[in-house]
């Protein structure tokens, strides 16, 4: 994928936001899960809008259409809206929602990773490793939801940290 400039501010901004959310999760893991539900709901809505925007830009630069980005963008929007307006149900469903979110996002990123192979950098391999780790964490969350609920702040912080770093690396 070829871009007109060497720096992508939207990727950088999303990366910084993801890292800030991850640091918040690491700093206060015992804090209210309700606050985490609202923070991640807003972040999911923002990420969904961003993915729909990136799909359009991807088509402009590569002349390829990505149906997967539309699906993930809409999925992220629906998850965000669900969490925002149903906080109590979100608390119960949070381990499952994040497990599915980890798995779906990582699988889509793996499916779309061939685009990054042509860049000539190590980003393709970095992206591959990060998304395989995301799939593993997703299945760990899915098959052990009680333990996941207890360690959710750390696991979500780790996920958003690795995705934030991935977005920042790609911004350059």
N, C-alpha and C. Protein backbone atom coordinates (compact mmCIF):
# COMPACT_ATOMS: atom_id res chain seq x y z
N UNK A 1 0.85 -1.17 0.00
CA UNK A 1 0.00 0.00 0.00
C UNK A 1 0.89 1.22 0.00
N UNK A 2 0.60 2.14 -0.88
CA UNK A 2 1.43 3.32 -1.02
C UNK A 2 0.64 4.54 -0.59
N UNK A 3 1.26 5.38 0.24
CA UNK A 3 0.62 6.61 0.69
C UNK A 3 1.33 7.81 0.12
N UNK A 4 0.64 8.95 0.07
CA UNK A 4 1.23 10.15 -0.48
C UNK A 4 2.26 10.75 0.46
N UNK A 5 2.04 10.67 1.74
CA UNK A 5 3.00 11.20 2.70
C UNK A 5 3.52 10.07 3.58
N UNK A 6 4.59 10.34 4.32
CA UNK A 6 5.18 9.30 5.14
C UNK A 6 4.57 9.19 6.53
N UNK A 7 3.62 10.06 6.86
CA UNK A 7 3.05 10.06 8.20
C UNK A 7 1.53 10.09 8.10
N UNK A 8 0.86 9.23 8.87
CA UNK A 8 -0.60 9.19 8.89
C UNK A 8 -1.09 9.63 10.27
N UNK A 9 -1.61 10.85 10.34
CA UNK A 9 -2.06 11.38 11.62
C UNK A 9 -3.22 10.59 12.21
N UNK A 10 -4.23 10.14 11.42
CA UNK A 10 -5.31 9.36 12.04
C UNK A 10 -4.82 8.07 12.70
N UNK A 11 -3.90 7.36 12.05
CA UNK A 11 -3.35 6.14 12.67
C UNK A 11 -2.60 6.50 13.96
N UNK A 12 -1.83 7.57 13.91
CA UNK A 12 -1.08 8.00 15.08
C UNK A 12 -2.02 8.36 16.23
N UNK A 13 -3.10 9.10 15.92
CA UNK A 13 -4.06 9.51 16.93
C UNK A 13 -4.75 8.31 17.57
N UNK A 14 -5.20 7.35 16.76
CA UNK A 14 -5.84 6.16 17.30
C UNK A 14 -4.84 5.37 18.14
N UNK A 15 -3.59 5.28 17.70
CA UNK A 15 -2.57 4.59 18.47
C UNK A 15 -2.36 5.22 19.83
N UNK A 16 -2.28 6.54 19.87
CA UNK A 16 -2.11 7.26 21.15
C UNK A 16 -3.33 7.03 22.05
N UNK A 17 -4.54 7.10 21.48
CA UNK A 17 -5.74 6.87 22.29
C UNK A 17 -5.76 5.46 22.86
N UNK A 18 -5.39 4.47 22.05
CA UNK A 18 -5.35 3.09 22.53
C UNK A 18 -4.33 2.94 23.66
N UNK A 19 -3.18 3.55 23.52
CA UNK A 19 -2.15 3.45 24.57
C UNK A 19 -2.62 4.14 25.85
N UNK A 20 -3.28 5.29 25.73
CA UNK A 20 -3.79 5.98 26.93
C UNK A 20 -4.83 5.13 27.65
N UNK A 21 -5.72 4.48 26.90
CA UNK A 21 -6.71 3.61 27.52
C UNK A 21 -6.02 2.42 28.19
N UNK A 22 -4.99 1.88 27.54
CA UNK A 22 -4.29 0.74 28.13
C UNK A 22 -3.58 1.14 29.43
N UNK A 23 -2.97 2.30 29.45
CA UNK A 23 -2.31 2.77 30.67
C UNK A 23 -3.31 2.98 31.79
N UNK A 24 -4.49 3.46 31.45
CA UNK A 24 -5.54 3.62 32.45
C UNK A 24 -5.95 2.28 33.03
N UNK A 25 -6.06 1.27 32.18
CA UNK A 25 -6.43 -0.07 32.65
C UNK A 25 -5.33 -0.66 33.52
N UNK A 26 -4.07 -0.43 33.18
CA UNK A 26 -2.96 -0.95 33.98
C UNK A 26 -2.85 -0.23 35.32
N UNK A 27 -3.12 1.07 35.33
CA UNK A 27 -2.93 1.88 36.54
C UNK A 27 -3.94 1.52 37.63
N UNK A 28 -5.20 1.33 37.27
CA UNK A 28 -6.25 1.09 38.26
C UNK A 28 -7.06 -0.16 37.91
N UNK A 29 -6.46 -1.33 38.04
CA UNK A 29 -7.22 -2.53 37.67
C UNK A 29 -8.40 -2.81 38.60
N UNK A 30 -8.34 -2.27 39.83
CA UNK A 30 -9.43 -2.51 40.77
C UNK A 30 -10.54 -1.47 40.65
N UNK A 31 -10.38 -0.54 39.74
CA UNK A 31 -11.39 0.52 39.57
C UNK A 31 -12.70 -0.06 39.05
N UNK A 32 -13.67 0.73 39.04
CA UNK A 32 -15.01 0.28 38.65
C UNK A 32 -15.05 -0.26 37.24
N UNK A 33 -15.57 -1.46 37.09
CA UNK A 33 -15.73 -2.05 35.76
C UNK A 33 -16.75 -1.27 34.93
N UNK A 34 -17.64 -0.58 35.62
CA UNK A 34 -18.61 0.23 34.90
C UNK A 34 -17.91 1.35 34.12
N UNK A 35 -16.91 1.97 34.73
CA UNK A 35 -16.15 3.00 34.03
C UNK A 35 -15.41 2.39 32.84
N UNK A 36 -14.90 1.19 33.00
CA UNK A 36 -14.21 0.51 31.89
C UNK A 36 -15.20 0.22 30.77
N UNK A 37 -16.43 -0.16 31.13
CA UNK A 37 -17.44 -0.43 30.10
C UNK A 37 -17.70 0.83 29.28
N UNK A 38 -17.86 1.98 29.93
CA UNK A 38 -18.12 3.23 29.20
C UNK A 38 -16.92 3.68 28.37
N UNK A 39 -15.74 3.55 28.94
CA UNK A 39 -14.53 3.96 28.20
C UNK A 39 -14.38 3.10 26.94
N UNK A 40 -14.53 1.82 27.10
CA UNK A 40 -14.36 0.94 25.94
C UNK A 40 -15.53 1.06 24.96
N UNK A 41 -16.70 1.42 25.45
CA UNK A 41 -17.82 1.65 24.55
C UNK A 41 -17.52 2.83 23.63
N UNK A 42 -17.05 3.90 24.21
CA UNK A 42 -16.70 5.08 23.40
C UNK A 42 -15.54 4.77 22.45
N UNK A 43 -14.57 4.04 22.94
CA UNK A 43 -13.43 3.68 22.10
C UNK A 43 -13.86 2.76 20.96
N UNK A 44 -14.77 1.84 21.22
CA UNK A 44 -15.26 0.95 20.16
C UNK A 44 -16.02 1.74 19.10
N UNK A 45 -16.82 2.71 19.52
CA UNK A 45 -17.54 3.55 18.55
C UNK A 45 -16.55 4.34 17.71
N UNK A 46 -15.55 4.94 18.36
CA UNK A 46 -14.53 5.70 17.64
C UNK A 46 -13.76 4.81 16.68
N UNK A 47 -13.39 3.61 17.13
CA UNK A 47 -12.65 2.67 16.29
C UNK A 47 -13.47 2.21 15.10
N UNK A 48 -14.76 1.97 15.30
CA UNK A 48 -15.63 1.58 14.20
C UNK A 48 -15.73 2.65 13.14
N UNK A 49 -15.89 3.89 13.57
CA UNK A 49 -15.94 5.01 12.62
C UNK A 49 -14.61 5.13 11.90
N UNK A 50 -13.51 4.98 12.63
CA UNK A 50 -12.18 5.06 12.04
C UNK A 50 -11.96 3.97 10.99
N UNK A 51 -12.41 2.75 11.28
CA UNK A 51 -12.23 1.65 10.33
C UNK A 51 -13.03 1.88 9.05
N UNK A 52 -14.22 2.44 9.18
CA UNK A 52 -15.01 2.76 7.99
C UNK A 52 -14.33 3.85 7.16
N UNK A 53 -13.71 4.81 7.84
CA UNK A 53 -12.98 5.87 7.15
C UNK A 53 -11.73 5.29 6.47
N UNK A 54 -11.01 4.41 7.16
CA UNK A 54 -9.79 3.82 6.61
C UNK A 54 -10.12 2.97 5.38
N UNK A 55 -11.26 2.32 5.39
CA UNK A 55 -11.66 1.51 4.23
C UNK A 55 -11.76 2.37 2.98
N UNK A 56 -12.33 3.56 3.14
CA UNK A 56 -12.45 4.48 2.00
C UNK A 56 -11.08 4.93 1.53
N UNK A 57 -10.19 5.27 2.46
CA UNK A 57 -8.84 5.70 2.11
C UNK A 57 -8.04 4.56 1.49
N UNK A 58 -8.23 3.35 1.99
CA UNK A 58 -7.55 2.18 1.44
C UNK A 58 -7.93 2.00 -0.02
N UNK A 59 -9.20 2.21 -0.34
CA UNK A 59 -9.66 2.10 -1.72
C UNK A 59 -9.02 3.18 -2.59
N UNK A 60 -8.88 4.39 -2.06
CA UNK A 60 -8.26 5.48 -2.82
C UNK A 60 -6.80 5.18 -3.14
N UNK A 61 -6.06 4.63 -2.19
CA UNK A 61 -4.62 4.43 -2.37
C UNK A 61 -4.28 3.13 -3.08
N UNK A 62 -5.05 2.08 -2.86
CA UNK A 62 -4.68 0.78 -3.41
C UNK A 62 -5.65 0.29 -4.48
N UNK A 63 -6.77 0.98 -4.63
CA UNK A 63 -7.81 0.58 -5.57
C UNK A 63 -8.38 -0.80 -5.22
N UNK A 64 -8.26 -1.19 -3.96
CA UNK A 64 -8.84 -2.44 -3.46
C UNK A 64 -9.97 -2.11 -2.50
N UNK A 65 -11.04 -2.85 -2.61
CA UNK A 65 -12.16 -2.68 -1.69
C UNK A 65 -12.04 -3.73 -0.60
N UNK A 66 -12.29 -3.32 0.63
CA UNK A 66 -12.17 -4.25 1.75
C UNK A 66 -13.52 -4.39 2.43
N UNK A 67 -14.21 -5.47 2.14
CA UNK A 67 -15.48 -5.76 2.78
C UNK A 67 -15.27 -6.09 4.25
N UNK A 68 -14.12 -6.70 4.56
CA UNK A 68 -13.84 -7.07 5.96
C UNK A 68 -13.77 -5.83 6.85
N UNK A 69 -13.21 -4.73 6.35
CA UNK A 69 -13.14 -3.52 7.16
C UNK A 69 -14.53 -2.95 7.42
N UNK A 70 -15.44 -3.08 6.47
CA UNK A 70 -16.81 -2.64 6.70
C UNK A 70 -17.45 -3.49 7.78
N UNK A 71 -17.26 -4.80 7.69
CA UNK A 71 -17.86 -5.72 8.67
C UNK A 71 -17.31 -5.43 10.07
N UNK A 72 -15.99 -5.29 10.19
CA UNK A 72 -15.39 -5.03 11.49
C UNK A 72 -15.77 -3.65 12.01
N UNK A 73 -15.83 -2.66 11.12
CA UNK A 73 -16.23 -1.32 11.53
C UNK A 73 -17.65 -1.31 12.08
N UNK A 74 -18.57 -1.97 11.40
CA UNK A 74 -19.96 -2.05 11.87
C UNK A 74 -20.04 -2.86 13.16
N UNK A 75 -19.29 -3.96 13.23
CA UNK A 75 -19.25 -4.77 14.45
C UNK A 75 -18.77 -3.93 15.63
N UNK A 76 -17.69 -3.16 15.44
CA UNK A 76 -17.18 -2.31 16.51
C UNK A 76 -18.20 -1.25 16.92
N UNK A 77 -18.89 -0.67 15.95
CA UNK A 77 -19.93 0.31 16.28
C UNK A 77 -21.06 -0.32 17.09
N UNK A 78 -21.50 -1.51 16.69
CA UNK A 78 -22.57 -2.19 17.42
C UNK A 78 -22.14 -2.56 18.84
N UNK A 79 -20.92 -3.05 18.99
CA UNK A 79 -20.40 -3.38 20.33
C UNK A 79 -20.35 -2.13 21.19
N UNK A 80 -19.86 -1.03 20.63
CA UNK A 80 -19.77 0.22 21.38
C UNK A 80 -21.13 0.74 21.80
N UNK A 81 -22.10 0.72 20.90
CA UNK A 81 -23.45 1.18 21.23
C UNK A 81 -24.09 0.27 22.27
N UNK A 82 -23.91 -1.03 22.12
CA UNK A 82 -24.44 -1.99 23.10
C UNK A 82 -23.87 -1.71 24.49
N UNK A 83 -22.55 -1.56 24.57
CA UNK A 83 -21.92 -1.32 25.87
C UNK A 83 -22.33 0.02 26.46
N UNK A 84 -22.49 1.02 25.62
CA UNK A 84 -22.81 2.36 26.12
C UNK A 84 -24.22 2.45 26.69
N UNK A 85 -25.19 1.83 26.02
CA UNK A 85 -26.58 1.96 26.46
C UNK A 85 -27.07 0.81 27.34
N UNK A 86 -26.28 -0.23 27.48
CA UNK A 86 -26.64 -1.37 28.34
C UNK A 86 -25.47 -1.70 29.26
N UNK A 87 -25.12 -0.77 30.13
CA UNK A 87 -23.94 -0.94 30.96
C UNK A 87 -24.05 -2.15 31.89
N UNK A 88 -25.21 -2.39 32.48
CA UNK A 88 -25.32 -3.53 33.39
C UNK A 88 -25.21 -4.85 32.62
N UNK A 89 -25.84 -4.92 31.47
CA UNK A 89 -25.68 -6.12 30.64
C UNK A 89 -24.25 -6.19 30.12
N UNK A 90 -23.65 -5.04 29.87
CA UNK A 90 -22.26 -4.99 29.42
C UNK A 90 -21.30 -5.55 30.46
N UNK A 91 -21.60 -5.31 31.74
CA UNK A 91 -20.75 -5.87 32.80
C UNK A 91 -20.78 -7.39 32.79
N UNK A 92 -21.95 -7.95 32.56
CA UNK A 92 -22.09 -9.41 32.53
C UNK A 92 -21.45 -9.99 31.28
N UNK A 93 -21.67 -9.32 30.17
CA UNK A 93 -21.20 -9.85 28.88
C UNK A 93 -19.77 -9.43 28.53
N UNK A 94 -19.18 -8.56 29.33
CA UNK A 94 -17.88 -7.99 29.01
C UNK A 94 -16.80 -9.03 28.67
N UNK A 95 -16.62 -10.08 29.47
CA UNK A 95 -15.58 -11.05 29.09
C UNK A 95 -15.82 -11.70 27.73
N UNK A 96 -17.08 -12.00 27.43
CA UNK A 96 -17.40 -12.64 26.14
C UNK A 96 -17.26 -11.65 24.98
N UNK A 97 -17.73 -10.44 25.20
CA UNK A 97 -17.64 -9.42 24.14
C UNK A 97 -16.19 -9.16 23.77
N UNK A 98 -15.34 -8.99 24.77
CA UNK A 98 -13.95 -8.72 24.46
C UNK A 98 -13.25 -9.93 23.87
N UNK A 99 -13.63 -11.13 24.27
CA UNK A 99 -13.04 -12.33 23.68
C UNK A 99 -13.36 -12.40 22.19
N UNK A 100 -14.62 -12.19 21.86
CA UNK A 100 -15.01 -12.21 20.45
C UNK A 100 -14.37 -11.06 19.69
N UNK A 101 -14.29 -9.90 20.33
CA UNK A 101 -13.67 -8.73 19.71
C UNK A 101 -12.20 -9.01 19.40
N UNK A 102 -11.46 -9.55 20.36
CA UNK A 102 -10.05 -9.89 20.14
C UNK A 102 -9.91 -10.82 18.94
N UNK A 103 -10.72 -11.88 18.94
CA UNK A 103 -10.60 -12.90 17.89
C UNK A 103 -10.96 -12.32 16.52
N UNK A 104 -12.08 -11.61 16.43
CA UNK A 104 -12.53 -11.07 15.14
C UNK A 104 -11.54 -10.04 14.61
N UNK A 105 -11.12 -9.09 15.45
CA UNK A 105 -10.16 -8.07 15.00
C UNK A 105 -8.86 -8.71 14.54
N UNK A 106 -8.36 -9.66 15.27
CA UNK A 106 -7.09 -10.30 14.93
C UNK A 106 -7.21 -11.13 13.65
N UNK A 107 -8.32 -11.85 13.50
CA UNK A 107 -8.52 -12.64 12.28
C UNK A 107 -8.64 -11.74 11.05
N UNK A 108 -9.35 -10.64 11.18
CA UNK A 108 -9.48 -9.71 10.05
C UNK A 108 -8.13 -9.10 9.71
N UNK A 109 -7.38 -8.72 10.73
CA UNK A 109 -6.05 -8.15 10.48
C UNK A 109 -5.13 -9.17 9.82
N UNK A 110 -5.25 -10.43 10.20
CA UNK A 110 -4.45 -11.47 9.54
C UNK A 110 -4.89 -11.64 8.08
N UNK A 111 -6.18 -11.61 7.84
CA UNK A 111 -6.69 -11.76 6.47
C UNK A 111 -6.25 -10.60 5.59
N UNK A 112 -6.11 -9.42 6.17
CA UNK A 112 -5.74 -8.24 5.41
C UNK A 112 -4.23 -7.99 5.44
N UNK A 113 -3.46 -8.83 6.09
CA UNK A 113 -2.03 -8.56 6.28
C UNK A 113 -1.22 -8.64 4.99
N UNK A 114 -1.74 -9.28 3.97
CA UNK A 114 -0.99 -9.37 2.71
C UNK A 114 -0.78 -7.99 2.10
N UNK A 115 -1.63 -7.05 2.42
CA UNK A 115 -1.47 -5.68 1.93
C UNK A 115 -0.16 -5.09 2.44
N UNK A 116 0.22 -5.43 3.68
CA UNK A 116 1.41 -4.85 4.29
C UNK A 116 2.70 -5.54 3.84
N UNK A 117 2.60 -6.67 3.20
CA UNK A 117 3.79 -7.39 2.76
C UNK A 117 4.55 -6.59 1.70
N UNK A 118 3.85 -5.80 0.92
CA UNK A 118 4.47 -5.04 -0.17
C UNK A 118 5.18 -3.77 0.30
N UNK A 119 5.03 -3.42 1.56
CA UNK A 119 5.66 -2.19 2.06
C UNK A 119 7.17 -2.30 2.17
N UNK A 120 7.71 -3.50 2.24
CA UNK A 120 9.15 -3.67 2.32
C UNK A 120 9.73 -3.45 3.70
N UNK A 121 8.90 -3.40 4.72
CA UNK A 121 9.39 -3.22 6.08
C UNK A 121 9.04 -4.44 6.91
N UNK A 122 9.43 -4.41 8.16
CA UNK A 122 9.12 -5.50 9.07
C UNK A 122 7.72 -5.40 9.65
N UNK A 123 6.92 -4.43 9.18
CA UNK A 123 5.58 -4.26 9.74
C UNK A 123 4.71 -5.48 9.49
N UNK A 124 4.89 -6.15 8.37
CA UNK A 124 4.09 -7.34 8.07
C UNK A 124 4.31 -8.39 9.14
N UNK A 125 5.55 -8.66 9.51
CA UNK A 125 5.84 -9.69 10.52
C UNK A 125 5.41 -9.24 11.89
N UNK A 126 5.60 -7.96 12.20
CA UNK A 126 5.14 -7.41 13.47
C UNK A 126 3.62 -7.57 13.57
N UNK A 127 2.91 -7.22 12.51
CA UNK A 127 1.46 -7.33 12.46
C UNK A 127 1.02 -8.79 12.61
N UNK A 128 1.72 -9.69 11.97
CA UNK A 128 1.40 -11.11 12.04
C UNK A 128 1.53 -11.63 13.47
N UNK A 129 2.63 -11.32 14.13
CA UNK A 129 2.86 -11.79 15.50
C UNK A 129 1.85 -11.20 16.47
N UNK A 130 1.61 -9.89 16.36
CA UNK A 130 0.67 -9.22 17.26
C UNK A 130 -0.73 -9.82 17.12
N UNK A 131 -1.14 -10.09 15.91
CA UNK A 131 -2.50 -10.61 15.71
C UNK A 131 -2.63 -12.08 16.11
N UNK A 132 -1.58 -12.85 15.98
CA UNK A 132 -1.62 -14.22 16.50
C UNK A 132 -1.74 -14.20 18.02
N UNK A 133 -1.01 -13.30 18.67
CA UNK A 133 -1.16 -13.13 20.13
C UNK A 133 -2.58 -12.69 20.49
N UNK A 134 -3.17 -11.82 19.67
CA UNK A 134 -4.55 -11.39 19.91
C UNK A 134 -5.54 -12.54 19.82
N UNK A 135 -5.34 -13.45 18.87
CA UNK A 135 -6.21 -14.62 18.75
C UNK A 135 -6.07 -15.53 19.96
N UNK A 136 -4.83 -15.76 20.40
CA UNK A 136 -4.60 -16.60 21.57
C UNK A 136 -5.26 -16.00 22.81
N UNK A 137 -5.08 -14.70 23.02
CA UNK A 137 -5.72 -14.04 24.17
C UNK A 137 -7.24 -14.10 24.06
N UNK A 138 -7.77 -13.95 22.86
CA UNK A 138 -9.21 -14.03 22.66
C UNK A 138 -9.78 -15.38 23.06
N UNK A 139 -9.10 -16.45 22.66
CA UNK A 139 -9.59 -17.79 23.03
C UNK A 139 -9.41 -18.04 24.53
N UNK A 140 -8.35 -17.50 25.12
CA UNK A 140 -8.19 -17.63 26.58
C UNK A 140 -9.35 -16.95 27.30
N UNK A 141 -9.75 -15.78 26.84
CA UNK A 141 -10.89 -15.08 27.44
C UNK A 141 -12.19 -15.85 27.23
N UNK A 142 -12.37 -16.40 26.06
CA UNK A 142 -13.62 -17.07 25.71
C UNK A 142 -13.84 -18.35 26.53
N UNK A 143 -12.79 -19.11 26.75
CA UNK A 143 -12.95 -20.40 27.41
C UNK A 143 -12.82 -20.35 28.94
N UNK A 144 -12.46 -19.22 29.49
CA UNK A 144 -12.37 -19.10 30.93
C UNK A 144 -12.89 -17.73 31.36
N UNK A 145 -14.20 -17.49 31.26
CA UNK A 145 -14.74 -16.15 31.50
C UNK A 145 -14.65 -15.67 32.95
N UNK A 146 -14.69 -16.56 33.92
CA UNK A 146 -14.61 -16.11 35.32
C UNK A 146 -13.24 -15.56 35.62
N UNK A 147 -12.21 -16.30 35.24
CA UNK A 147 -10.85 -15.80 35.42
C UNK A 147 -10.62 -14.56 34.57
N UNK A 148 -11.21 -14.55 33.40
CA UNK A 148 -11.07 -13.41 32.51
C UNK A 148 -11.65 -12.15 33.12
N UNK A 149 -12.80 -12.29 33.78
CA UNK A 149 -13.42 -11.13 34.42
C UNK A 149 -12.50 -10.55 35.49
N UNK A 150 -11.78 -11.45 36.20
CA UNK A 150 -10.88 -10.97 37.26
C UNK A 150 -9.63 -10.29 36.70
N UNK A 151 -9.21 -10.72 35.53
CA UNK A 151 -7.98 -10.15 34.95
C UNK A 151 -8.27 -9.31 33.71
N UNK A 152 -9.53 -8.94 33.53
CA UNK A 152 -9.93 -8.23 32.33
C UNK A 152 -9.19 -6.91 32.14
N UNK A 153 -9.02 -6.16 33.20
CA UNK A 153 -8.34 -4.87 33.06
C UNK A 153 -6.93 -5.05 32.50
N UNK A 154 -6.23 -6.05 32.99
CA UNK A 154 -4.87 -6.29 32.49
C UNK A 154 -4.89 -6.77 31.04
N UNK A 155 -5.76 -7.74 30.73
CA UNK A 155 -5.80 -8.28 29.37
C UNK A 155 -6.25 -7.24 28.35
N UNK A 156 -7.24 -6.44 28.72
CA UNK A 156 -7.69 -5.39 27.82
C UNK A 156 -6.60 -4.32 27.68
N UNK A 157 -5.95 -3.99 28.78
CA UNK A 157 -4.83 -3.05 28.71
C UNK A 157 -3.73 -3.54 27.79
N UNK A 158 -3.42 -4.83 27.87
CA UNK A 158 -2.41 -5.41 27.00
C UNK A 158 -2.84 -5.35 25.54
N UNK A 159 -4.10 -5.70 25.27
CA UNK A 159 -4.62 -5.66 23.91
C UNK A 159 -4.56 -4.25 23.33
N UNK A 160 -5.05 -3.28 24.08
CA UNK A 160 -5.03 -1.91 23.57
C UNK A 160 -3.62 -1.36 23.45
N UNK A 161 -2.71 -1.81 24.32
CA UNK A 161 -1.32 -1.39 24.19
C UNK A 161 -0.72 -1.94 22.89
N UNK A 162 -0.92 -3.23 22.62
CA UNK A 162 -0.33 -3.79 21.40
C UNK A 162 -0.99 -3.22 20.15
N UNK A 163 -2.29 -2.97 20.18
CA UNK A 163 -2.94 -2.34 19.02
C UNK A 163 -2.50 -0.89 18.88
N UNK A 164 -2.33 -0.18 19.97
CA UNK A 164 -1.84 1.21 19.92
C UNK A 164 -0.45 1.29 19.33
N UNK A 165 0.44 0.40 19.77
CA UNK A 165 1.78 0.37 19.22
C UNK A 165 1.74 0.02 17.74
N UNK A 166 0.87 -0.90 17.38
CA UNK A 166 0.73 -1.29 15.97
C UNK A 166 0.26 -0.10 15.13
N UNK A 167 -0.72 0.66 15.60
CA UNK A 167 -1.18 1.82 14.86
C UNK A 167 -0.10 2.90 14.76
N UNK A 168 0.66 3.11 15.82
CA UNK A 168 1.71 4.13 15.79
C UNK A 168 2.82 3.71 14.84
N UNK A 169 3.21 2.44 14.87
CA UNK A 169 4.23 1.95 13.94
C UNK A 169 3.76 2.15 12.50
N UNK A 170 2.50 1.84 12.24
CA UNK A 170 2.00 2.00 10.89
C UNK A 170 1.90 3.46 10.47
N UNK A 171 1.70 4.37 11.43
CA UNK A 171 1.58 5.79 11.11
C UNK A 171 2.84 6.34 10.46
N UNK A 172 3.96 5.73 10.77
CA UNK A 172 5.22 6.19 10.18
C UNK A 172 5.57 5.33 8.99
